[in-house]
């Protein structure tokens, strides 16, 4: 369980990992404990069982049953060969969309042409998650939905369960 709180309003909501025989499920609950959203993960997340290069976790409304968002996890890819290795590591985003830590927190790095070899620590498998949701979704539920990504990562990392 992950509880999301605010200094101003107290508890905003929580994310509960619910076990199921068919697939893992997360329940997004409001401050009163009522389930507002549900995330159902795939049964298997191995490369052979997926038809795409990513896994989609649909976010559905508990009340209407319609999809109100999604969480996407692309499959990490093994390191490229040193001859064709990219200085960006595994991040397939264009250079101009990557954050530059040497500039201000809102800046975007300009494209550059580097010819240096990648550092060994850049050749690790990494994964990222992308979250999208309807703009009509209340801000409190958006915050709790973002917390659900942390629960997905924790369950996957700590218990070796790939959801």
C-alpha atoms as a PDB file:
ATOM      1  CA  UNK A   1       0.000   0.000   0.000  1.00  0.00           C
ATOM      2  CA  UNK A   2       1.202   3.495  -0.837  1.00  0.00           C
ATOM      3  CA  UNK A   3      -0.557   6.438   0.801  1.00  0.00           C
ATOM      4  CA  UNK A   4      -0.353   9.885  -0.811  1.00  0.00           C
ATOM      5  CA  UNK A   5      -0.592  12.826   1.587  1.00  0.00           C
ATOM      6  CA  UNK A   6      -0.443  16.591   1.322  1.00  0.00           C
ATOM      7  CA  UNK A   7       0.707  18.949   4.089  1.00  0.00           C
ATOM      8  CA  UNK A   8      -2.318  21.129   3.409  1.00  0.00           C
ATOM      9  CA  UNK A   9      -5.104  18.566   2.929  1.00  0.00           C
ATOM     10  CA  UNK A  10      -3.803  15.445   4.665  1.00  0.00           C
ATOM     11  CA  UNK A  11      -4.437  12.094   3.010  1.00  0.00           C
ATOM     12  CA  UNK A  12      -5.300  12.442  -0.686  1.00  0.00           C
ATOM     13  CA  UNK A  13      -5.628   8.772  -1.537  1.00  0.00           C
ATOM     14  CA  UNK A  14      -3.846   5.442  -1.671  1.00  0.00           C
ATOM     15  CA  UNK A  15      -2.767   2.667  -4.014  1.00  0.00           C
ATOM     16  CA  UNK A  16      -3.462  -0.952  -3.042  1.00  0.00           C
ATOM     17  CA  UNK A  17      -1.919  -4.004  -4.697  1.00  0.00           C
ATOM     18  CA  UNK A  18      -4.692  -6.581  -5.023  1.00  0.00           C
ATOM     19  CA  UNK A  19      -3.853 -10.158  -5.861  1.00  0.00           C
ATOM     20  CA  UNK A  20      -5.760 -12.003  -8.533  1.00  0.00           C
ATOM     21  CA  UNK A  21      -5.363 -15.438 -10.115  1.00  0.00           C
ATOM     22  CA  UNK A  22      -5.404 -14.041 -13.639  1.00  0.00           C
ATOM     23  CA  UNK A  23      -3.421 -10.803 -13.495  1.00  0.00           C
ATOM     24  CA  UNK A  24      -2.053  -8.309 -10.980  1.00  0.00           C
ATOM     25  CA  UNK A  25      -4.341  -5.397 -10.113  1.00  0.00           C
ATOM     26  CA  UNK A  26      -3.901  -2.044  -8.426  1.00  0.00           C
ATOM     27  CA  UNK A  27      -6.801  -0.180  -6.831  1.00  0.00           C
ATOM     28  CA  UNK A  28      -6.532   3.626  -6.695  1.00  0.00           C
ATOM     29  CA  UNK A  29      -8.591   4.816  -3.711  1.00  0.00           C
ATOM     30  CA  UNK A  30      -9.658   8.302  -2.639  1.00  0.00           C
ATOM     31  CA  UNK A  31      -9.232   9.718   0.874  1.00  0.00           C
ATOM     32  CA  UNK A  32     -12.421   7.970   2.047  1.00  0.00           C
ATOM     33  CA  UNK A  33     -11.093   4.570   0.935  1.00  0.00           C
ATOM     34  CA  UNK A  34     -13.458   4.211  -2.030  1.00  0.00           C
ATOM     35  CA  UNK A  35     -11.895   2.699  -5.162  1.00  0.00           C
ATOM     36  CA  UNK A  36     -11.923   5.311  -7.938  1.00  0.00           C
ATOM     37  CA  UNK A  37      -9.582   3.789 -10.537  1.00  0.00           C
ATOM     38  CA  UNK A  38      -8.236   0.347 -11.316  1.00  0.00           C
ATOM     39  CA  UNK A  39      -5.036  -0.722 -13.073  1.00  0.00           C
ATOM     40  CA  UNK A  40      -4.881  -4.268 -14.425  1.00  0.00           C
ATOM     41  CA  UNK A  41      -1.447  -5.517 -15.407  1.00  0.00           C
ATOM     42  CA  UNK A  42      -0.735  -8.164 -18.025  1.00  0.00           C
ATOM     43  CA  UNK A  43      -0.489 -11.815 -17.012  1.00  0.00           C
ATOM     44  CA  UNK A  44       3.011 -12.163 -18.429  1.00  0.00           C
ATOM     45  CA  UNK A  45       5.504  -9.445 -19.336  1.00  0.00           C
ATOM     46  CA  UNK A  46       8.214 -11.497 -21.023  1.00  0.00           C
ATOM     47  CA  UNK A  47       9.404 -10.572 -24.535  1.00  0.00           C
ATOM     48  CA  UNK A  48       7.878 -13.703 -26.081  1.00  0.00           C
ATOM     49  CA  UNK A  49       4.369 -12.969 -24.789  1.00  0.00           C
ATOM     50  CA  UNK A  50       4.264  -9.331 -25.919  1.00  0.00           C
ATOM     51  CA  UNK A  51       3.523  -8.339 -29.487  1.00  0.00           C
ATOM     52  CA  UNK A  52       4.922  -4.814 -29.054  1.00  0.00           C
ATOM     53  CA  UNK A  53       8.107  -3.373 -27.572  1.00  0.00           C
ATOM     54  CA  UNK A  54       6.207  -2.110 -24.545  1.00  0.00           C
ATOM     55  CA  UNK A  55       3.636  -3.107 -21.947  1.00  0.00           C
ATOM     56  CA  UNK A  56       0.459  -1.102 -21.464  1.00  0.00           C
ATOM     57  CA  UNK A  57      -1.265  -0.921 -18.092  1.00  0.00           C
ATOM     58  CA  UNK A  58      -4.752   0.498 -18.756  1.00  0.00           C
ATOM     59  CA  UNK A  59      -6.219   2.759 -16.068  1.00  0.00           C
ATOM     60  CA  UNK A  60      -9.997   2.393 -15.894  1.00  0.00           C
ATOM     61  CA  UNK A  61     -12.662   4.182 -13.923  1.00  0.00           C
ATOM     62  CA  UNK A  62     -14.248   1.970 -11.279  1.00  0.00           C
ATOM     63  CA  UNK A  63     -17.585   3.735 -11.731  1.00  0.00           C
ATOM     64  CA  UNK A  64     -17.982   3.751 -15.529  1.00  0.00           C
ATOM     65  CA  UNK A  65     -15.474   1.098 -16.574  1.00  0.00           C
ATOM     66  CA  UNK A  66     -14.037   3.330 -19.306  1.00  0.00           C
ATOM     67  CA  UNK A  67     -10.322   3.852 -19.772  1.00  0.00           C
ATOM     68  CA  UNK A  68      -9.177   7.183 -18.308  1.00  0.00           C
ATOM     69  CA  UNK A  69      -5.436   6.750 -18.702  1.00  0.00           C
ATOM     70  CA  UNK A  70      -2.557   4.353 -19.128  1.00  0.00           C
ATOM     71  CA  UNK A  71       0.905   3.541 -17.888  1.00  0.00           C
ATOM     72  CA  UNK A  72       3.421   2.343 -20.454  1.00  0.00           C
ATOM     73  CA  UNK A  73       6.653   0.479 -19.757  1.00  0.00           C
ATOM     74  CA  UNK A  74       8.950  -0.056 -22.746  1.00  0.00           C
ATOM     75  CA  UNK A  75      11.106  -3.177 -22.721  1.00  0.00           C
ATOM     76  CA  UNK A  76      14.722  -2.454 -21.848  1.00  0.00           C
ATOM     77  CA  UNK A  77      17.068  -3.336 -24.657  1.00  0.00           C
ATOM     78  CA  UNK A  78      20.539  -4.850 -24.283  1.00  0.00           C
ATOM     79  CA  UNK A  79      23.562  -2.576 -24.795  1.00  0.00           C
ATOM     80  CA  UNK A  80      24.601  -1.798 -28.328  1.00  0.00           C
ATOM     81  CA  UNK A  81      27.965  -2.912 -29.629  1.00  0.00           C
ATOM     82  CA  UNK A  82      30.821  -0.491 -28.838  1.00  0.00           C
ATOM     83  CA  UNK A  83      31.226   0.433 -32.521  1.00  0.00           C
ATOM     84  CA  UNK A  84      27.643   1.668 -32.842  1.00  0.00           C
ATOM     85  CA  UNK A  85      27.024   2.615 -29.243  1.00  0.00           C
ATOM     86  CA  UNK A  86      25.143   5.779 -28.578  1.00  0.00           C
ATOM     87  CA  UNK A  87      26.355   8.265 -25.948  1.00  0.00           C
ATOM     88  CA  UNK A  88      22.762   8.370 -24.714  1.00  0.00           C
ATOM     89  CA  UNK A  89      22.856   4.789 -23.430  1.00  0.00           C
ATOM     90  CA  UNK A  90      19.459   3.076 -23.721  1.00  0.00           C
ATOM     91  CA  UNK A  91      17.314   6.159 -23.768  1.00  0.00           C
ATOM     92  CA  UNK A  92      15.913   6.307 -27.287  1.00  0.00           C
ATOM     93  CA  UNK A  93      14.660   9.868 -26.840  1.00  0.00           C
ATOM     94  CA  UNK A  94      16.245  12.438 -29.130  1.00  0.00           C
ATOM     95  CA  UNK A  95      19.053  14.487 -27.590  1.00  0.00           C
ATOM     96  CA  UNK A  96      16.941  17.660 -27.536  1.00  0.00           C
ATOM     97  CA  UNK A  97      14.351  15.955 -25.273  1.00  0.00           C
ATOM     98  CA  UNK A  98      16.860  14.796 -22.674  1.00  0.00           C
ATOM     99  CA  UNK A  99      17.363  16.853 -19.525  1.00  0.00           C
ATOM    100  CA  UNK A 100      20.756  18.494 -19.052  1.00  0.00           C
ATOM    101  CA  UNK A 101      21.681  18.394 -15.334  1.00  0.00           C
ATOM    102  CA  UNK A 102      24.187  21.261 -15.759  1.00  0.00           C
ATOM    103  CA  UNK A 103      21.472  23.739 -16.739  1.00  0.00           C
ATOM    104  CA  UNK A 104      18.343  24.932 -14.945  1.00  0.00           C
ATOM    105  CA  UNK A 105      15.729  22.350 -13.964  1.00  0.00           C
ATOM    106  CA  UNK A 106      13.370  23.380 -16.787  1.00  0.00           C
ATOM    107  CA  UNK A 107      15.945  23.503 -19.546  1.00  0.00           C
ATOM    108  CA  UNK A 108      16.305  21.101 -22.438  1.00  0.00           C
ATOM    109  CA  UNK A 109      19.692  20.048 -23.784  1.00  0.00           C
ATOM    110  CA  UNK A 110      20.557  21.131 -27.303  1.00  0.00           C
ATOM    111  CA  UNK A 111      21.487  18.395 -29.815  1.00  0.00           C
ATOM    112  CA  UNK A 112      25.201  17.771 -30.001  1.00  0.00           C
ATOM    113  CA  UNK A 113      27.487  15.517 -31.944  1.00  0.00           C
ATOM    114  CA  UNK A 114      29.764  13.668 -29.555  1.00  0.00           C
ATOM    115  CA  UNK A 115      32.192  11.038 -30.690  1.00  0.00           C
ATOM    116  CA  UNK A 116      33.435   9.859 -27.298  1.00  0.00           C
ATOM    117  CA  UNK A 117      32.895   6.290 -26.189  1.00  0.00           C
ATOM    118  CA  UNK A 118      30.048   5.660 -23.724  1.00  0.00           C
ATOM    119  CA  UNK A 119      30.927   5.122 -20.085  1.00  0.00           C
ATOM    120  CA  UNK A 120      30.602   1.534 -18.779  1.00  0.00           C
ATOM    121  CA  UNK A 121      27.841   2.521 -16.337  1.00  0.00           C
ATOM    122  CA  UNK A 122      25.774   3.735 -19.311  1.00  0.00           C
ATOM    123  CA  UNK A 123      25.588   0.147 -20.583  1.00  0.00           C
ATOM    124  CA  UNK A 124      23.155  -1.051 -17.940  1.00  0.00           C
ATOM    125  CA  UNK A 125      19.588  -2.048 -18.679  1.00  0.00           C
ATOM    126  CA  UNK A 126      17.271   0.758 -17.694  1.00  0.00           C
ATOM    127  CA  UNK A 127      13.544   1.121 -17.816  1.00  0.00           C
ATOM    128  CA  UNK A 128      11.219   4.044 -17.691  1.00  0.00           C
ATOM    129  CA  UNK A 129       7.505   4.508 -17.333  1.00  0.00           C
ATOM    130  CA  UNK A 130       5.172   6.901 -19.084  1.00  0.00           C
ATOM    131  CA  UNK A 131       1.872   7.953 -17.501  1.00  0.00           C
ATOM    132  CA  UNK A 132      -1.008   9.584 -19.356  1.00  0.00           C
ATOM    133  CA  UNK A 133      -4.496  10.446 -18.135  1.00  0.00           C
ATOM    134  CA  UNK A 134      -7.557  12.529 -19.016  1.00  0.00           C
ATOM    135  CA  UNK A 135      -7.275  16.199 -18.165  1.00  0.00           C
ATOM    136  CA  UNK A 136     -10.718  15.991 -16.492  1.00  0.00           C
ATOM    137  CA  UNK A 137      -9.316  13.624 -13.852  1.00  0.00           C
ATOM    138  CA  UNK A 138      -9.115  15.395 -10.455  1.00  0.00           C
ATOM    139  CA  UNK A 139      -5.630  16.543  -9.469  1.00  0.00           C
ATOM    140  CA  UNK A 140      -5.736  14.393  -6.336  1.00  0.00           C
ATOM    141  CA  UNK A 141      -6.338  11.249  -8.415  1.00  0.00           C
ATOM    142  CA  UNK A 142      -3.522  12.266 -10.797  1.00  0.00           C
ATOM    143  CA  UNK A 143      -1.148  12.403  -7.817  1.00  0.00           C
ATOM    144  CA  UNK A 144      -2.262   8.992  -6.590  1.00  0.00           C
ATOM    145  CA  UNK A 145      -1.975   7.614 -10.130  1.00  0.00           C
ATOM    146  CA  UNK A 146       1.651   8.769 -10.241  1.00  0.00           C
ATOM    147  CA  UNK A 147       2.224   6.978  -6.927  1.00  0.00           C
ATOM    148  CA  UNK A 148       0.946   3.773  -8.538  1.00  0.00           C
ATOM    149  CA  UNK A 149       4.032   3.762 -10.772  1.00  0.00           C
ATOM    150  CA  UNK A 150       6.184   3.614  -7.636  1.00  0.00           C
ATOM    151  CA  UNK A 151       4.200   0.608  -6.433  1.00  0.00           C
ATOM    152  CA  UNK A 152       4.597  -1.117  -9.813  1.00  0.00           C
ATOM    153  CA  UNK A 153       8.363  -0.595  -9.658  1.00  0.00           C
ATOM    154  CA  UNK A 154       8.606  -1.660  -5.981  1.00  0.00           C
ATOM    155  CA  UNK A 155       6.623  -4.848  -6.482  1.00  0.00           C
ATOM    156  CA  UNK A 156       8.663  -5.685  -9.565  1.00  0.00           C
ATOM    157  CA  UNK A 157      12.007  -4.978  -7.887  1.00  0.00           C
ATOM    158  CA  UNK A 158      11.460  -6.281  -4.365  1.00  0.00           C
ATOM    159  CA  UNK A 159       9.374  -9.346  -5.043  1.00  0.00           C
ATOM    160  CA  UNK A 160      10.655 -10.159  -8.548  1.00  0.00           C
ATOM    161  CA  UNK A 161       7.088 -10.019  -9.870  1.00  0.00           C
ATOM    162  CA  UNK A 162       6.821  -8.432 -13.288  1.00  0.00           C
ATOM    163  CA  UNK A 163       3.588  -6.503 -13.477  1.00  0.00           C
END
